[in-house]
C-alpha cells in the first residue's frame, strides 16, 4: 500500500483528505478530514520521529544511531516541533513575554479589550 501524501507534489500546499474507504466491507465515507499533526510531517521527518521514539527521546543515543551531531539533531527536532504547530522552547519565552505585555497594557487601560484580543490572537 502507498504512503498517504499530505502535501501537493505540484505546489507543496497541504492536501485535503476527502474520502475514506474500508477494504473489508467496502464502506466509503466522504467529507473533509484532518490528517493530524503527524500527518503534516515529510517522510524524512517521520523517519526522524521513529528514530527519536526508538531511542526513547534521547538525542545522544540518536547521535550514534543516525550518525548526526547533537546540534543537527536538535535543529531537526525543533523544525519538526514547528511543523506540527507547536512553539519551540526559546520561542515560547518570547511569546509569553509578548502576552504579558499585552495583558499589562490592558490592565493599565492603554488598550481596549478588543485590541488585546486581536493582539493575543496574533492579529
C-alpha atoms as a PDB file:
ATOM      1  CA  UNK A   1       0.000   0.000   0.000  1.00  0.00           C
ATOM      2  CA  UNK A   2       1.222   3.516  -0.794  1.00  0.00           C
ATOM      3  CA  UNK A   3       2.083   6.067   1.855  1.00  0.00           C
ATOM      4  CA  UNK A   4      -0.505   8.848   2.235  1.00  0.00           C
ATOM      5  CA  UNK A   5       0.645  12.051   0.562  1.00  0.00           C
ATOM      6  CA  UNK A   6      -0.058  15.059   2.743  1.00  0.00           C
ATOM      7  CA  UNK A   7       1.331  17.811   0.501  1.00  0.00           C
ATOM      8  CA  UNK A   8       0.632  18.510  -3.158  1.00  0.00           C
ATOM      9  CA  UNK A   9       3.511  17.283  -5.328  1.00  0.00           C
ATOM     10  CA  UNK A  10       2.947  20.251  -7.684  1.00  0.00           C
ATOM     11  CA  UNK A  11       2.648  23.306  -5.401  1.00  0.00           C
ATOM     12  CA  UNK A  12       3.530  21.922  -1.949  1.00  0.00           C
ATOM     13  CA  UNK A  13       0.327  23.040  -0.224  1.00  0.00           C
ATOM     14  CA  UNK A  14      -1.410  20.615   2.162  1.00  0.00           C
ATOM     15  CA  UNK A  15      -3.725  18.094   0.519  1.00  0.00           C
ATOM     16  CA  UNK A  16      -7.242  17.545   1.891  1.00  0.00           C
ATOM     17  CA  UNK A  17      -8.360  14.011   2.660  1.00  0.00           C
ATOM     18  CA  UNK A  18     -11.881  13.815   1.273  1.00  0.00           C
ATOM     19  CA  UNK A  19     -12.697  10.101   1.106  1.00  0.00           C
ATOM     20  CA  UNK A  20     -12.142   7.164   3.451  1.00  0.00           C
ATOM     21  CA  UNK A  21     -12.733   3.573   2.371  1.00  0.00           C
ATOM     22  CA  UNK A  22     -12.994   0.270   4.287  1.00  0.00           C
ATOM     23  CA  UNK A  23     -11.329  -2.547   2.354  1.00  0.00           C
ATOM     24  CA  UNK A  24     -13.251  -5.198   4.272  1.00  0.00           C
ATOM     25  CA  UNK A  25     -16.869  -4.093   3.857  1.00  0.00           C
ATOM     26  CA  UNK A  26     -16.424  -1.561   1.016  1.00  0.00           C
ATOM     27  CA  UNK A  27     -17.935   1.302   3.052  1.00  0.00           C
ATOM     28  CA  UNK A  28     -16.892   4.742   1.840  1.00  0.00           C
ATOM     29  CA  UNK A  29     -17.159   7.989   3.780  1.00  0.00           C
ATOM     30  CA  UNK A  30     -16.770  11.355   2.078  1.00  0.00           C
ATOM     31  CA  UNK A  31     -16.085  14.728   3.672  1.00  0.00           C
ATOM     32  CA  UNK A  32     -13.065  16.759   4.746  1.00  0.00           C
ATOM     33  CA  UNK A  33     -10.765  15.047   7.225  1.00  0.00           C
ATOM     34  CA  UNK A  34      -7.731  16.396   9.095  1.00  0.00           C
ATOM     35  CA  UNK A  35      -4.601  14.249   8.835  1.00  0.00           C
ATOM     36  CA  UNK A  36      -3.490  15.371  12.305  1.00  0.00           C
ATOM     37  CA  UNK A  37      -0.217  16.839  13.476  1.00  0.00           C
ATOM     38  CA  UNK A  38       1.885  13.821  12.496  1.00  0.00           C
ATOM     39  CA  UNK A  39       0.325  13.887   9.051  1.00  0.00           C
ATOM     40  CA  UNK A  40       1.924  17.293   8.455  1.00  0.00           C
ATOM     41  CA  UNK A  41       5.409  15.785   8.513  1.00  0.00           C
ATOM     42  CA  UNK A  42       7.505  14.890   5.481  1.00  0.00           C
ATOM     43  CA  UNK A  43       8.611  11.247   5.088  1.00  0.00           C
ATOM     44  CA  UNK A  44      12.095  12.271   6.295  1.00  0.00           C
ATOM     45  CA  UNK A  45      10.611  13.904   9.393  1.00  0.00           C
ATOM     46  CA  UNK A  46       8.527  10.795  10.115  1.00  0.00           C
ATOM     47  CA  UNK A  47      11.742   8.752   9.924  1.00  0.00           C
ATOM     48  CA  UNK A  48      13.338  11.129  12.423  1.00  0.00           C
ATOM     49  CA  UNK A  49      10.358  10.784  14.800  1.00  0.00           C
ATOM     50  CA  UNK A  50      10.535   6.987  14.527  1.00  0.00           C
ATOM     51  CA  UNK A  51      14.254   7.046  15.400  1.00  0.00           C
ATOM     52  CA  UNK A  52      13.543   9.515  18.230  1.00  0.00           C
ATOM     53  CA  UNK A  53      10.944   7.164  19.723  1.00  0.00           C
ATOM     54  CA  UNK A  54      13.174   4.116  19.188  1.00  0.00           C
ATOM     55  CA  UNK A  55      15.926   5.960  21.111  1.00  0.00           C
ATOM     56  CA  UNK A  56      13.429   6.872  23.855  1.00  0.00           C
ATOM     57  CA  UNK A  57      13.778  10.585  23.124  1.00  0.00           C
ATOM     58  CA  UNK A  58      17.494  10.638  23.889  1.00  0.00           C
ATOM     59  CA  UNK A  59      19.329  12.688  21.286  1.00  0.00           C
ATOM     60  CA  UNK A  60      22.710  11.388  22.473  1.00  0.00           C
ATOM     61  CA  UNK A  61      21.580   7.851  21.545  1.00  0.00           C
ATOM     62  CA  UNK A  62      20.351   9.144  18.197  1.00  0.00           C
ATOM     63  CA  UNK A  63      23.797  10.623  17.521  1.00  0.00           C
ATOM     64  CA  UNK A  64      25.201   7.095  17.461  1.00  0.00           C
ATOM     65  CA  UNK A  65      22.263   5.557  15.604  1.00  0.00           C
ATOM     66  CA  UNK A  66      21.901   8.048  12.763  1.00  0.00           C
ATOM     67  CA  UNK A  67      25.427   9.488  12.704  1.00  0.00           C
ATOM     68  CA  UNK A  68      24.476  13.148  13.099  1.00  0.00           C
ATOM     69  CA  UNK A  69      25.720  15.681  15.634  1.00  0.00           C
ATOM     70  CA  UNK A  70      23.654  16.784  18.616  1.00  0.00           C
ATOM     71  CA  UNK A  71      23.175  20.350  17.248  1.00  0.00           C
ATOM     72  CA  UNK A  72      21.953  18.948  13.913  1.00  0.00           C
ATOM     73  CA  UNK A  73      19.526  16.590  15.670  1.00  0.00           C
ATOM     74  CA  UNK A  74      18.310  19.409  17.925  1.00  0.00           C
ATOM     75  CA  UNK A  75      17.711  21.665  14.894  1.00  0.00           C
ATOM     76  CA  UNK A  76      15.750  18.905  13.112  1.00  0.00           C
ATOM     77  CA  UNK A  77      13.677  18.271  16.221  1.00  0.00           C
ATOM     78  CA  UNK A  78      12.882  21.991  16.502  1.00  0.00           C
ATOM     79  CA  UNK A  79      11.856  22.016  12.829  1.00  0.00           C
ATOM     80  CA  UNK A  80       9.500  19.075  13.450  1.00  0.00           C
ATOM     81  CA  UNK A  81       8.045  20.752  16.537  1.00  0.00           C
ATOM     82  CA  UNK A  82       7.250  23.852  14.464  1.00  0.00           C
ATOM     83  CA  UNK A  83       5.897  21.770  11.552  1.00  0.00           C
ATOM     84  CA  UNK A  84       3.459  20.139  13.968  1.00  0.00           C
ATOM     85  CA  UNK A  85       2.200  23.583  15.018  1.00  0.00           C
ATOM     86  CA  UNK A  86       3.911  23.850  18.396  1.00  0.00           C
ATOM     87  CA  UNK A  87       6.186  26.587  19.719  1.00  0.00           C
ATOM     88  CA  UNK A  88       9.828  25.722  20.430  1.00  0.00           C
ATOM     89  CA  UNK A  89      11.283  26.429  23.912  1.00  0.00           C
ATOM     90  CA  UNK A  90      13.014  29.802  23.406  1.00  0.00           C
ATOM     91  CA  UNK A  91      10.176  30.977  21.166  1.00  0.00           C
ATOM     92  CA  UNK A  92       7.741  30.125  23.985  1.00  0.00           C
ATOM     93  CA  UNK A  93       9.514  32.574  26.316  1.00  0.00           C
ATOM     94  CA  UNK A  94       9.231  35.341  23.692  1.00  0.00           C
ATOM     95  CA  UNK A  95       5.536  34.535  23.131  1.00  0.00           C
ATOM     96  CA  UNK A  96       4.883  34.538  26.894  1.00  0.00           C
ATOM     97  CA  UNK A  97       6.630  37.899  27.275  1.00  0.00           C
ATOM     98  CA  UNK A  98       4.544  39.413  24.458  1.00  0.00           C
ATOM     99  CA  UNK A  99       1.343  38.016  26.001  1.00  0.00           C
ATOM    100  CA  UNK A 100       2.223  39.506  29.408  1.00  0.00           C
ATOM    101  CA  UNK A 101       2.972  42.889  27.800  1.00  0.00           C
ATOM    102  CA  UNK A 102      -0.477  42.914  26.125  1.00  0.00           C
ATOM    103  CA  UNK A 103      -2.189  41.988  29.403  1.00  0.00           C
ATOM    104  CA  UNK A 104      -0.243  44.688  31.262  1.00  0.00           C
ATOM    105  CA  UNK A 105      -1.305  47.284  28.672  1.00  0.00           C
ATOM    106  CA  UNK A 106      -4.919  46.140  29.019  1.00  0.00           C
ATOM    107  CA  UNK A 107      -4.746  46.360  32.827  1.00  0.00           C
ATOM    108  CA  UNK A 108      -3.265  49.859  32.592  1.00  0.00           C
ATOM    109  CA  UNK A 109      -6.050  50.965  30.245  1.00  0.00           C
ATOM    110  CA  UNK A 110      -3.646  51.644  27.380  1.00  0.00           C
ATOM    111  CA  UNK A 111      -5.558  49.335  25.020  1.00  0.00           C
ATOM    112  CA  UNK A 112      -9.139  48.107  24.773  1.00  0.00           C
ATOM    113  CA  UNK A 113     -10.214  44.525  25.334  1.00  0.00           C
ATOM    114  CA  UNK A 114     -10.848  44.204  21.585  1.00  0.00           C
ATOM    115  CA  UNK A 115      -7.294  45.369  20.834  1.00  0.00           C
ATOM    116  CA  UNK A 116      -5.941  42.969  23.419  1.00  0.00           C
ATOM    117  CA  UNK A 117      -7.881  40.050  21.896  1.00  0.00           C
ATOM    118  CA  UNK A 118      -6.569  40.873  18.406  1.00  0.00           C
ATOM    119  CA  UNK A 119      -3.002  41.106  19.720  1.00  0.00           C
ATOM    120  CA  UNK A 120      -3.296  37.829  21.646  1.00  0.00           C
ATOM    121  CA  UNK A 121      -4.716  36.069  18.596  1.00  0.00           C
ATOM    122  CA  UNK A 122      -1.816  37.299  16.511  1.00  0.00           C
ATOM    123  CA  UNK A 123      -3.757  39.889  14.548  1.00  0.00           C
END
